[in-house]
Amino acid sequence: MVSPWVTHSAAGLSVRREGVRDINRSLPEETPVALVFDGTTAAVMMATPDDLADFALGFALTEGFITHPEDVAEFEIVPHDLGIEARFWLTGDRSEALKTRRRNMLGPVGCGLCGIDSLEQAIRSLPVLAPGKTAVSQCDVARATDALRAHQPLHDLTRAVHAAGFMRPGGQILCAREDVGRHNALDKLIGAMAHQGIDPREGAIVLTSRVSVEMVQKTVIAGCPVLIAVSAPTAHALRLADRAGLTLAAFAREGGFDLYSHPDRIQTGACNAA
């Protein structure tokens, strides 16, 4: 079910070879959302104004402002005429983390590194994921983006948003979130998993977008060992995934996929992915 404040009905004209007709389209809203930590604005992101508690928590975790949900003493969503504030009050002294990762950003959706204070922080070092047992099967990966399609009501309504989902072995999408920004959708997913106590080590993250550096960073920091995307990775994202021990599968569509790094977590031969 799509919340009514997430979309806007807009009148227009459909121009086709067979003629012109009046139409009404549902368009996704995008709203400035300020992420505020202990009274300091760390970032302003253009986001779909839904699941904002998940978005804020996922952002705080993947950007290093906190390391665990228990670092949050208080949290509130505060609407304003021009946008929305997501306010955190943190436990203990997190001032150094706030200073290190502070971003002053108001830019186009999808530009996850706009306005960052230094190039060193843009390509931050990542932990190396521990090797482990097979996370998902070849069949799971081949069908992952198709399975995610059943969890995209906002996309079905607008055709203008991205989705991120968490898939357990066996192919079940346990949780999914949508947003106009692909980074925001992933942050929402990671925040939702933290709120629900879902262990990211026990499955794979599935994306409807390409795989950029920041998508790899967020996945690794969340601790998820497998990333599956419908589109391509960038070369730098692939290098980063390989160094961090992340299994990266791309072009996952129409029953097939390309496997680029750490293939040992994918049980091959389990089904015909062709």
Protein backbone atom coordinates (compact mmCIF):
# COMPACT_ATOMS: atom_id res chain seq x y z
CA MET A 1 0.00 0.00 0.00
CA VAL A 2 1.41 3.39 -1.04
CA SER A 3 0.88 6.24 1.43
CA PRO A 4 -1.21 9.07 -0.09
CA TRP A 5 1.39 11.78 0.67
CA VAL A 6 4.08 9.93 -1.30
CA THR A 7 2.60 10.63 -4.74
CA HIS A 8 1.01 13.54 -6.60
CA SER A 9 -1.52 13.25 -9.43
CA ALA A 10 -0.51 15.40 -12.41
CA ALA A 11 -2.49 16.16 -15.55
CA GLY A 12 -0.79 16.04 -18.93
CA LEU A 13 -1.03 15.03 -22.56
CA SER A 14 -0.03 11.67 -24.00
CA VAL A 15 1.33 12.23 -27.50
CA ARG A 16 1.61 9.08 -29.64
CA ARG A 17 1.50 8.19 -33.33
CA GLU A 18 -2.16 7.37 -33.05
CA GLY A 19 -3.01 10.76 -31.54
CA VAL A 20 -3.10 12.93 -28.45
CA ARG A 21 -5.14 12.27 -25.31
CA ASP A 22 -5.51 13.71 -21.81
CA ILE A 23 -3.88 11.74 -19.00
CA ASN A 24 -3.37 11.84 -15.25
CA ARG A 25 -0.16 10.34 -13.92
CA SER A 26 0.88 9.52 -10.36
CA LEU A 27 4.29 11.09 -9.77
CA PRO A 28 6.53 10.34 -6.78
CA GLU A 29 7.14 13.17 -4.35
CA GLU A 30 10.70 14.12 -3.42
CA THR A 31 11.28 16.22 -0.33
CA PRO A 32 14.38 17.74 1.31
CA VAL A 33 15.18 15.63 4.37
CA ALA A 34 17.74 17.05 6.78
CA LEU A 35 19.69 14.48 8.82
CA VAL A 36 20.47 16.24 12.11
CA PHE A 37 22.77 14.82 14.78
CA ASP A 38 22.97 16.46 18.20
CA GLY A 39 21.76 19.74 16.70
CA THR A 40 24.14 19.70 13.71
CA THR A 41 22.89 19.10 10.18
CA ALA A 42 25.07 16.41 8.60
CA ALA A 43 23.31 16.18 5.23
CA VAL A 44 20.25 17.25 3.31
CA MET A 45 19.00 14.58 0.94
CA MET A 46 16.18 14.68 -1.58
CA ALA A 47 14.08 11.64 -0.69
CA THR A 48 10.65 10.06 -0.98
CA PRO A 49 8.85 11.15 2.24
CA ASP A 50 8.00 7.67 3.48
CA ASP A 51 9.77 5.18 5.79
CA LEU A 52 11.89 8.09 7.03
CA ALA A 53 12.76 6.48 10.37
CA ASP A 54 14.25 3.55 8.41
CA PHE A 55 16.02 5.96 6.05
CA ALA A 56 17.53 8.01 8.88
CA LEU A 57 18.75 4.98 10.83
CA GLY A 58 20.20 3.33 7.72
CA PHE A 59 21.97 6.56 6.76
CA ALA A 60 23.37 6.99 10.26
CA LEU A 61 24.72 3.43 10.26
CA THR A 62 26.16 3.31 6.75
CA GLU A 63 27.74 6.78 6.98
CA GLY A 64 29.44 6.04 10.29
CA PHE A 65 27.62 8.51 12.52
CA ILE A 66 26.66 5.56 14.72
CA THR A 67 27.83 1.96 14.88
CA HIS A 68 24.72 0.41 16.44
CA PRO A 69 21.07 1.43 16.92
CA GLU A 70 21.73 1.65 20.68
CA ASP A 71 23.91 4.72 19.96
CA VAL A 72 20.64 6.65 19.47
CA ALA A 73 19.25 8.14 22.69
CA GLU A 74 16.30 9.94 21.05
CA PHE A 75 14.91 10.30 17.55
CA GLU A 76 12.12 12.41 16.06
CA ILE A 77 10.71 13.40 12.68
CA VAL A 78 9.90 17.12 12.47
CA PRO A 79 7.97 18.39 9.42
CA HIS A 80 8.56 21.95 8.19
CA ASP A 81 7.03 24.00 5.39
CA LEU A 82 10.13 23.50 3.23
CA GLY A 83 11.00 19.93 4.17
CA ILE A 84 11.51 17.45 6.99
CA GLU A 85 14.08 17.11 9.75
CA ALA A 86 15.14 13.69 11.04
CA ARG A 87 16.66 14.54 14.43
CA PHE A 88 19.01 12.27 16.35
CA TRP A 89 20.26 12.73 19.88
CA LEU A 90 23.14 10.34 20.43
CA THR A 91 24.48 8.60 23.49
CA GLY A 92 28.00 9.38 24.67
CA ASP A 93 30.45 11.57 22.81
CA ARG A 94 30.06 11.13 19.06
CA SER A 95 31.48 14.55 18.17
CA GLU A 96 34.51 13.16 16.32
CA ALA A 97 32.35 10.89 14.18
CA LEU A 98 30.07 13.83 13.44
CA LYS A 99 33.01 16.02 12.44
CA THR A 100 34.59 13.33 10.27
CA ARG A 101 31.51 12.37 8.31
CA ARG A 102 29.70 15.71 8.23
CA ARG A 103 28.34 16.54 4.82
CA ASN A 104 26.59 19.68 3.68
CA MET A 105 24.57 18.50 0.74
CA LEU A 106 21.57 19.65 -1.25
CA GLY A 107 21.82 18.33 -4.75
CA PRO A 108 20.38 15.96 -7.32
CA VAL A 109 19.08 12.59 -6.23
CA GLY A 110 21.59 9.81 -6.75
CA CYS A 111 24.68 11.96 -6.24
CA GLY A 112 25.65 10.29 -3.01
CA LEU A 113 29.06 11.96 -2.71
CA CYS A 114 28.15 15.56 -3.60
CA GLY A 115 29.57 18.08 -1.16
CA ILE A 116 31.72 15.65 0.80
CA ASP A 117 34.50 17.38 2.69
CA SER A 118 37.47 15.43 1.36
CA LEU A 119 38.40 12.90 -1.31
CA GLU A 120 39.84 10.66 1.38
CA GLN A 121 36.43 10.37 2.99
CA ALA A 122 34.76 9.66 -0.35
CA ILE A 123 36.75 6.43 -0.80
CA ARG A 124 36.87 5.37 2.84
CA SER A 125 38.47 2.13 3.95
CA LEU A 126 36.10 -0.77 4.51
CA PRO A 127 36.17 -3.83 6.72
CA VAL A 128 36.76 -7.15 4.99
CA LEU A 129 33.74 -9.43 5.14
CA ALA A 130 34.42 -12.78 6.76
CA PRO A 131 34.33 -15.79 4.43
CA GLY A 132 31.43 -18.10 5.15
CA LYS A 133 29.13 -20.77 3.93
CA THR A 134 27.12 -20.41 0.74
CA ALA A 135 24.72 -17.52 1.19
CA VAL A 136 22.37 -18.05 -1.75
CA SER A 137 21.94 -20.44 -4.67
CA GLN A 138 22.34 -19.81 -8.39
CA CYS A 139 18.57 -20.12 -8.67
CA ASP A 140 18.06 -17.47 -5.95
CA VAL A 141 20.32 -14.98 -7.74
CA ALA A 142 18.78 -15.62 -11.15
CA ARG A 143 15.30 -14.88 -9.82
CA ALA A 144 16.20 -12.16 -7.31
CA THR A 145 15.13 -9.07 -9.23
CA ASP A 146 11.93 -10.80 -10.37
CA ALA A 147 11.15 -11.60 -6.73
CA LEU A 148 11.78 -7.97 -5.77
CA ARG A 149 9.25 -6.77 -8.37
CA ALA A 150 6.42 -8.04 -6.16
CA HIS A 151 7.54 -5.58 -3.45
CA GLN A 152 7.52 -2.37 -5.49
CA PRO A 153 4.06 -0.78 -5.18
CA LEU A 154 5.39 2.77 -5.61
CA HIS A 155 7.22 1.78 -8.79
CA ASP A 156 4.06 0.13 -10.12
CA LEU A 157 2.19 3.39 -9.53
CA THR A 158 4.80 5.88 -10.80
CA ARG A 159 7.52 4.04 -12.80
CA ALA A 160 9.98 6.52 -11.29
CA VAL A 161 11.60 5.01 -8.17
CA HIS A 162 14.27 2.50 -7.15
CA ALA A 163 13.99 -0.39 -4.73
CA ALA A 164 16.31 -2.34 -2.45
CA GLY A 165 15.37 -5.66 -0.89
CA PHE A 166 16.86 -8.29 1.40
CA MET A 167 16.66 -11.87 0.18
CA ARG A 168 17.04 -14.93 2.35
CA PRO A 169 18.39 -18.25 0.99
CA GLY A 170 15.53 -19.86 -0.87
CA GLY A 171 14.66 -16.65 -2.71
CA GLN A 172 12.26 -15.00 -0.23
CA ILE A 173 12.37 -11.18 -0.13
CA LEU A 174 12.10 -10.59 3.58
CA CYS A 175 12.08 -6.78 3.50
CA ALA A 176 12.08 -4.08 0.80
CA ARG A 177 12.03 -0.29 0.59
CA GLU A 178 11.56 2.22 -2.26
CA ASP A 179 12.75 5.76 -2.93
CA VAL A 180 13.45 8.17 -5.78
CA GLY A 181 17.13 7.81 -4.89
CA ARG A 182 18.88 4.45 -5.12
CA HIS A 183 21.17 5.32 -2.19
CA ASN A 184 18.13 6.32 -0.14
CA ALA A 185 16.33 3.07 -0.95
CA LEU A 186 19.35 1.10 0.30
CA ASP A 187 19.63 3.20 3.47
CA LYS A 188 15.90 2.68 4.10
CA LEU A 189 16.34 -1.08 3.70
CA ILE A 190 19.33 -1.22 6.05
CA GLY A 191 17.47 0.90 8.61
CA ALA A 192 14.37 -1.29 8.34
CA MET A 193 16.48 -4.41 8.88
CA ALA A 194 18.06 -2.86 11.97
CA HIS A 195 14.65 -1.90 13.34
CA GLN A 196 13.31 -5.43 12.72
CA GLY A 197 16.38 -7.28 14.00
CA ILE A 198 17.14 -8.91 10.63
CA ASP A 199 20.75 -10.14 10.39
CA PRO A 200 22.24 -8.88 7.07
CA ARG A 201 24.84 -11.66 7.15
CA GLU A 202 22.15 -14.26 6.43
CA GLY A 203 21.24 -13.35 2.85
CA ALA A 204 21.73 -10.94 -0.02
CA ILE A 205 20.81 -7.35 -0.86
CA VAL A 206 19.01 -6.92 -4.19
CA LEU A 207 19.00 -3.60 -6.11
CA THR A 208 17.04 -2.23 -9.05
CA SER A 209 19.94 0.06 -9.97
CA ARG A 210 23.54 0.04 -11.11
CA VAL A 211 26.23 -0.59 -8.48
CA SER A 212 28.29 2.48 -7.61
CA VAL A 213 31.07 2.83 -5.05
CA GLU A 214 28.67 4.06 -2.38
CA MET A 215 26.28 1.12 -2.87
CA VAL A 216 29.18 -1.25 -2.22
CA GLN A 217 30.29 0.79 0.80
CA LYS A 218 26.84 0.72 2.38
CA THR A 219 26.39 -3.01 1.76
CA VAL A 220 29.76 -3.91 3.28
CA ILE A 221 29.31 -1.64 6.30
CA ALA A 222 25.92 -3.25 6.89
CA GLY A 223 27.71 -6.62 6.92
CA CYS A 224 25.83 -8.24 4.02
CA PRO A 225 28.05 -10.68 2.06
CA VAL A 226 26.19 -10.70 -1.29
CA LEU A 227 25.01 -7.84 -3.51
CA ILE A 228 22.76 -8.52 -6.52
CA ALA A 229 21.84 -5.79 -9.01
CA VAL A 230 19.76 -5.56 -12.15
CA SER A 231 22.37 -3.36 -13.87
CA ALA A 232 26.15 -3.01 -14.11
CA PRO A 233 28.77 -2.14 -11.51
CA THR A 234 31.30 0.61 -12.08
CA ALA A 235 34.91 -0.53 -12.37
CA HIS A 236 35.84 1.16 -9.09
CA ALA A 237 32.86 -0.40 -7.31
CA LEU A 238 33.97 -3.84 -8.48
CA ARG A 239 37.53 -3.28 -7.25
CA LEU A 240 36.17 -2.16 -3.89
CA ALA A 241 33.84 -5.17 -3.66
CA ASP A 242 36.69 -7.55 -4.44
CA ARG A 243 38.96 -6.03 -1.76
CA ALA A 244 36.17 -6.08 0.82
CA GLY A 245 35.27 -9.71 0.21
CA LEU A 246 31.82 -8.89 -1.19
CA THR A 247 30.16 -11.27 -3.66
CA LEU A 248 28.88 -9.09 -6.51
CA ALA A 249 26.35 -10.31 -9.09
CA ALA A 250 25.12 -7.90 -11.77
CA PHE A 251 22.79 -7.90 -14.79
CA ALA A 252 20.48 -10.17 -12.78
CA ARG A 253 17.48 -10.33 -15.06
CA GLU A 254 15.54 -12.71 -17.30
CA GLY A 255 16.78 -15.76 -15.42
CA GLY A 256 20.51 -15.02 -15.66
CA PHE A 257 23.27 -12.94 -14.12
CA ASP A 258 26.97 -12.06 -14.32
CA LEU A 259 29.14 -12.98 -11.33
CA TYR A 260 32.15 -10.71 -10.77
CA SER A 261 33.71 -11.27 -7.35
CA HIS A 262 33.95 -13.94 -4.63
CA PRO A 263 31.77 -16.53 -6.41
CA ASP A 264 32.28 -19.10 -3.63
CA ARG A 265 29.17 -17.88 -1.81
CA ILE A 266 26.93 -18.80 -4.76
CA GLN A 267 25.96 -22.45 -5.01
CA THR A 268 26.14 -23.11 -8.73
CA GLY A 269 24.28 -25.86 -10.53
CA ALA A 270 21.25 -25.60 -8.26
CA CYS A 271 18.97 -24.67 -11.14
CA ASN A 272 19.08 -23.65 -14.78
CA ALA A 273 19.57 -19.86 -14.80
CA ALA A 274 19.61 -19.58 -18.57
